Amino acid sequence: MKERQKKLLRLLLANEGFLRIDDLASSFMVGKRTISRDLDSIESWLSMRGSMLERKQSNGIRILSFGRTNLELLTLLNTTNSFFESLPASTRQLLIHLSLIFHNREVKISEL
C-alpha cells in the first residue's frame, strides 16, 4: 500500500462518520479519481481483514468493521508488511488467491 493510501486509511479510521471524496481530494491535493483508486486499494486491504468501505453517493465513505475495532485495524496497518512477509510463500499465495476470488472488479498487482 502506498504511503498516501496509508494516510487516507488512517484518516478514515480516525473518523466515525462519512467523509466526502471531494474533501479528501482537497486534503491530499490530488484528484477525485486518484482518491477513488486509492479507496479501491484500501477496500481490498480491508476486505482481507473482515471490514469494508461503505460508499453512499450523497454522504461519502466510511469504514464498516465487523468484529474489529478501528484501533485494531490501525495496529494491523502499522504491522502488516512485516506480518505478511513473515508468512510462508504458500500461505501468501493462498491469501492472494482468496483476495482475487472475492473481488468483483479488476485487481491490479500493486493492490495485492
Protein backbone atom coordinates (compact mmCIF):
# COMPACT_ATOMS: atom_id res chain seq x y z
CA MET A 1 0.00 0.00 0.00
CA LYS A 2 1.33 3.43 -0.91
CA GLU A 3 2.07 5.96 1.81
CA ARG A 4 -0.79 8.24 0.68
CA GLN A 5 -3.18 5.29 0.89
CA LYS A 6 -1.99 4.54 4.42
CA LYS A 7 -2.55 8.17 5.42
CA LEU A 8 -6.01 8.07 3.85
CA LEU A 9 -6.84 4.85 5.70
CA ARG A 10 -5.62 6.36 8.98
CA LEU A 11 -7.89 9.35 8.38
CA LEU A 12 -10.87 7.08 7.68
CA LEU A 13 -10.13 5.03 10.81
CA ALA A 14 -9.98 8.21 12.92
CA ASN A 15 -13.47 9.29 11.81
CA GLU A 16 -16.70 7.50 12.70
CA GLY A 17 -18.82 9.41 10.20
CA PHE A 18 -18.81 9.76 6.45
CA LEU A 19 -16.05 11.66 4.64
CA ARG A 20 -16.64 13.14 1.20
CA ILE A 21 -14.33 12.28 -1.68
CA ASP A 22 -14.16 15.97 -2.67
CA ASP A 23 -12.88 16.87 0.79
CA LEU A 24 -10.36 14.03 0.78
CA ALA A 25 -9.08 15.05 -2.66
CA SER A 26 -8.58 18.61 -1.41
CA SER A 27 -6.84 17.45 1.77
CA PHE A 28 -4.38 15.28 -0.15
CA MET A 29 -4.07 17.73 -3.06
CA VAL A 30 -4.97 15.08 -5.66
CA GLY A 31 -7.91 14.50 -7.96
CA LYS A 32 -11.13 12.71 -7.07
CA ARG A 33 -10.22 9.86 -9.42
CA THR A 34 -6.92 9.34 -7.59
CA ILE A 35 -8.79 9.13 -4.28
CA SER A 36 -11.24 6.66 -5.83
CA ARG A 37 -8.38 4.43 -6.97
CA ASP A 38 -6.77 4.71 -3.54
CA LEU A 39 -10.08 3.71 -1.96
CA ASP A 40 -10.18 0.62 -4.18
CA SER A 41 -6.79 -0.44 -2.77
CA ILE A 42 -7.93 0.34 0.76
CA GLU A 43 -11.10 -1.66 0.22
CA SER A 44 -9.00 -4.63 -0.87
CA TRP A 45 -6.87 -4.35 2.27
CA LEU A 46 -9.95 -4.03 4.49
CA SER A 47 -11.74 -6.99 2.89
CA MET A 48 -8.85 -9.27 3.84
CA ARG A 49 -9.33 -8.15 7.44
CA GLY A 50 -13.10 -8.55 7.78
CA SER A 51 -14.03 -4.92 7.15
CA MET A 52 -15.27 -2.87 4.23
CA LEU A 53 -15.87 0.62 2.91
CA GLU A 54 -19.43 1.88 2.89
CA ARG A 55 -19.93 4.26 -0.04
CA LYS A 56 -23.02 6.45 -0.17
CA GLN A 57 -23.28 8.82 -3.07
CA SER A 58 -24.73 11.76 -1.18
CA ASN A 59 -22.90 11.18 2.12
CA GLY A 60 -19.41 9.95 1.28
CA ILE A 61 -17.45 6.98 2.60
CA ARG A 62 -16.72 5.35 5.93
CA ILE A 63 -15.30 2.10 7.25
CA LEU A 64 -17.58 -0.66 8.46
CA SER A 65 -15.79 -3.07 10.77
CA PHE A 66 -17.16 -6.48 11.62
CA GLY A 67 -15.59 -7.81 14.80
CA ARG A 68 -12.58 -5.47 14.79
CA THR A 69 -12.24 -2.01 16.25
CA ASN A 70 -10.70 0.84 14.31
CA LEU A 71 -7.78 0.74 16.74
CA GLU A 72 -7.17 -2.93 15.90
CA LEU A 73 -7.25 -2.10 12.18
CA LEU A 74 -4.81 0.75 12.76
CA THR A 75 -2.46 -1.62 14.59
CA LEU A 76 -2.70 -4.08 11.70
CA LEU A 77 -1.95 -1.28 9.24
CA ASN A 78 1.22 -0.40 11.11
CA THR A 79 2.42 -4.02 11.25
CA THR A 80 1.00 -5.54 8.05
CA ASN A 81 4.12 -5.67 5.88
CA SER A 82 6.26 -7.45 8.43
CA PHE A 83 3.47 -9.91 9.26
CA PHE A 84 2.60 -10.68 5.64
CA GLU A 85 6.24 -11.07 4.68
CA SER A 86 6.81 -13.45 7.60
CA LEU A 87 4.20 -15.90 6.28
CA PRO A 88 5.30 -18.89 4.19
CA ALA A 89 5.09 -18.35 0.43
CA SER A 90 2.27 -20.90 0.08
CA THR A 91 0.17 -19.03 2.66
CA ARG A 92 0.79 -15.68 0.96
CA GLN A 93 -0.24 -17.21 -2.38
CA LEU A 94 -3.43 -18.57 -0.83
CA LEU A 95 -4.30 -15.16 0.62
CA ILE A 96 -3.72 -13.52 -2.76
CA HIS A 97 -5.91 -16.13 -4.47
CA LEU A 98 -8.69 -15.55 -1.95
CA SER A 99 -8.43 -11.81 -2.45
CA LEU A 100 -8.77 -12.24 -6.21
CA ILE A 101 -11.74 -14.59 -5.88
CA PHE A 102 -13.74 -12.27 -3.64
CA HIS A 103 -13.26 -9.10 -5.69
CA ASN A 104 -15.96 -8.26 -8.18
CA ARG A 105 -13.68 -5.99 -10.16
CA GLU A 106 -10.34 -5.80 -11.88
CA VAL A 107 -7.47 -6.08 -9.38
CA LYS A 108 -4.05 -4.56 -10.00
CA ILE A 109 -0.89 -6.35 -8.91
CA SER A 110 0.08 -3.35 -6.78
CA GLU A 111 -3.08 -3.87 -4.70
CA LEU A 112 -2.13 -7.38 -3.64
